[in-house]
């Protein structure tokens, strides 16, 4: 029989859920400064399927540049599976992403975010993220690579 979930565990899960939602809100609303509240300063981020991986500063600049090439971004994130271990956690979330280019072209993709998180003085932050695309559909325009 599983042990009961504590109030602290529930609070941690809710904060991690809010953190994942803040990530996609920052991207979709073109407010990339909010990513400072999502990632640790020394986070490693991999969007290898899109040709980018590196430290948080490099990847966040690349994301902001990619956003300029589309009129609309819309992310939906869910089905989070969180494993807590004190001040560390791991999470796998599924995502659906739609982009509409300035010329009306559309692109859709789905996949998973694999995150390692740490509790900081300012709350939970992502220290390592790997995005794994599982499928793509549509016409995403070619954009410059970093």
Protein backbone atom coordinates (compact mmCIF):
# COMPACT_ATOMS: atom_id res chain seq x y z
CA UNK A 1 0.00 0.00 0.00
CA UNK A 2 1.31 3.45 -0.92
CA UNK A 3 1.98 5.88 1.88
CA UNK A 4 -0.20 9.00 2.12
CA UNK A 5 0.95 12.12 0.30
CA UNK A 6 2.07 14.89 2.64
CA UNK A 7 1.01 18.53 2.42
CA UNK A 8 4.62 19.45 1.55
CA UNK A 9 4.61 16.98 -1.36
CA UNK A 10 1.32 18.40 -2.61
CA UNK A 11 2.72 21.94 -2.38
CA UNK A 12 5.87 20.87 -4.25
CA UNK A 13 3.85 19.24 -7.02
CA UNK A 14 1.64 22.31 -7.37
CA UNK A 15 4.70 24.59 -7.57
CA UNK A 16 6.31 22.36 -10.21
CA UNK A 17 3.05 22.36 -12.17
CA UNK A 18 2.94 26.17 -12.01
CA UNK A 19 6.59 26.30 -13.10
CA UNK A 20 5.89 24.20 -16.20
CA UNK A 21 2.91 26.40 -17.03
CA UNK A 22 5.02 29.55 -16.58
CA UNK A 23 7.52 28.16 -19.11
CA UNK A 24 4.93 27.84 -21.88
CA UNK A 25 3.28 31.14 -20.93
CA UNK A 26 6.64 32.89 -21.32
CA UNK A 27 7.10 31.40 -24.79
CA UNK A 28 3.55 31.90 -26.03
CA UNK A 29 3.26 35.47 -24.69
CA UNK A 30 6.73 36.42 -25.96
CA UNK A 31 7.90 37.31 -22.43
CA UNK A 32 11.25 35.58 -22.36
CA UNK A 33 12.40 37.41 -19.23
CA UNK A 34 9.97 35.15 -17.31
CA UNK A 35 12.24 32.21 -18.11
CA UNK A 36 14.58 33.52 -15.39
CA UNK A 37 11.90 32.29 -12.97
CA UNK A 38 11.80 28.85 -14.62
CA UNK A 39 15.46 27.83 -15.04
CA UNK A 40 18.51 27.95 -12.82
CA UNK A 41 21.22 30.30 -14.08
CA UNK A 42 23.45 27.32 -14.91
CA UNK A 43 20.72 25.12 -16.41
CA UNK A 44 21.50 22.90 -19.39
CA UNK A 45 18.77 22.77 -22.03
CA UNK A 46 18.52 20.50 -25.06
CA UNK A 47 16.27 21.05 -28.03
CA UNK A 48 18.46 18.68 -30.04
CA UNK A 49 15.63 17.77 -32.43
CA UNK A 50 15.54 21.46 -33.42
CA UNK A 51 19.33 21.75 -33.57
CA UNK A 52 19.97 23.61 -30.30
CA UNK A 53 21.40 22.66 -26.95
CA UNK A 54 23.52 24.48 -24.44
CA UNK A 55 23.39 26.63 -21.35
CA UNK A 56 20.24 28.49 -20.32
CA UNK A 57 21.43 31.91 -21.57
CA UNK A 58 22.30 30.62 -25.04
CA UNK A 59 19.13 28.60 -25.45
CA UNK A 60 16.81 31.34 -24.16
CA UNK A 61 18.29 33.80 -26.70
CA UNK A 62 17.78 31.19 -29.43
CA UNK A 63 14.15 30.64 -28.38
CA UNK A 64 13.45 34.38 -28.47
CA UNK A 65 14.97 34.54 -31.97
CA UNK A 66 12.84 31.61 -33.16
CA UNK A 67 9.71 33.28 -31.79
CA UNK A 68 10.25 36.27 -34.10
CA UNK A 69 9.73 34.02 -37.13
CA UNK A 70 6.18 33.03 -36.16
CA UNK A 71 3.09 35.10 -35.50
CA UNK A 72 1.56 32.73 -32.95
CA UNK A 73 2.91 30.07 -30.62
CA UNK A 74 0.59 27.92 -28.54
CA UNK A 75 1.78 25.26 -26.14
CA UNK A 76 -0.31 22.84 -24.11
CA UNK A 77 1.53 20.88 -21.42
CA UNK A 78 0.12 18.10 -19.30
CA UNK A 79 0.27 14.50 -18.14
CA UNK A 80 3.07 15.44 -15.77
CA UNK A 81 4.76 12.62 -13.92
CA UNK A 82 6.74 14.04 -11.01
CA UNK A 83 9.12 12.15 -8.75
CA UNK A 84 10.18 14.07 -5.63
CA UNK A 85 13.37 13.40 -3.68
CA UNK A 86 13.84 16.10 -1.02
CA UNK A 87 15.17 19.23 -2.73
CA UNK A 88 15.41 17.49 -6.10
CA UNK A 89 12.76 16.25 -8.48
CA UNK A 90 12.35 14.73 -11.90
CA UNK A 91 9.44 15.39 -14.19
CA UNK A 92 8.27 14.15 -17.56
CA UNK A 93 5.55 16.23 -19.23
CA UNK A 94 3.85 15.76 -22.56
CA UNK A 95 3.40 18.76 -24.82
CA UNK A 96 1.49 19.82 -27.91
CA UNK A 97 2.83 22.83 -29.83
CA UNK A 98 1.23 24.79 -32.66
CA UNK A 99 2.92 27.61 -34.57
CA UNK A 100 1.47 29.96 -37.15
CA UNK A 101 3.93 31.81 -39.34
CA UNK A 102 3.60 35.37 -40.56
CA UNK A 103 2.52 34.03 -43.97
CA UNK A 104 -0.15 31.79 -42.43
CA UNK A 105 1.79 28.53 -42.63
CA UNK A 106 1.09 26.20 -39.70
CA UNK A 107 3.18 23.64 -37.88
CA UNK A 108 2.30 21.20 -35.12
CA UNK A 109 4.47 18.99 -32.97
CA UNK A 110 4.14 16.87 -29.87
CA UNK A 111 6.57 15.32 -27.48
CA UNK A 112 7.92 15.27 -23.97
CA UNK A 113 9.93 17.49 -21.67
CA UNK A 114 12.29 15.53 -19.43
CA UNK A 115 13.27 17.78 -16.53
CA UNK A 116 15.55 17.64 -13.53
CA UNK A 117 14.52 20.24 -10.97
CA UNK A 118 16.06 21.68 -7.82
CA UNK A 119 14.54 23.59 -4.96
CA UNK A 120 16.22 27.01 -4.64
CA UNK A 121 15.76 29.92 -2.24
CA UNK A 122 13.30 31.27 -4.84
CA UNK A 123 11.38 28.02 -5.29
CA UNK A 124 11.64 25.13 -7.73
CA UNK A 125 13.68 25.68 -10.90
CA UNK A 126 14.58 23.49 -13.86
CA UNK A 127 18.30 22.64 -13.80
CA UNK A 128 18.27 20.36 -16.85
CA UNK A 129 15.71 19.96 -19.64
CA UNK A 130 15.63 17.67 -22.64
CA UNK A 131 12.86 18.16 -25.18
CA UNK A 132 12.01 15.03 -27.16
CA UNK A 133 9.84 15.54 -30.22
CA UNK A 134 7.70 12.50 -30.95
CA UNK A 135 5.90 13.74 -34.09
CA UNK A 136 5.67 16.75 -36.42
CA UNK A 137 3.09 17.89 -38.95
CA UNK A 138 2.91 20.91 -41.20
CA UNK A 139 5.06 23.63 -42.62
CA UNK A 140 7.44 25.36 -40.22
CA UNK A 141 9.55 27.87 -42.13
CA UNK A 142 13.29 27.49 -42.09
CA UNK A 143 14.80 29.74 -39.45
CA UNK A 144 18.43 30.63 -38.80
CA UNK A 145 20.32 28.32 -36.47
CA UNK A 146 22.59 29.67 -33.76
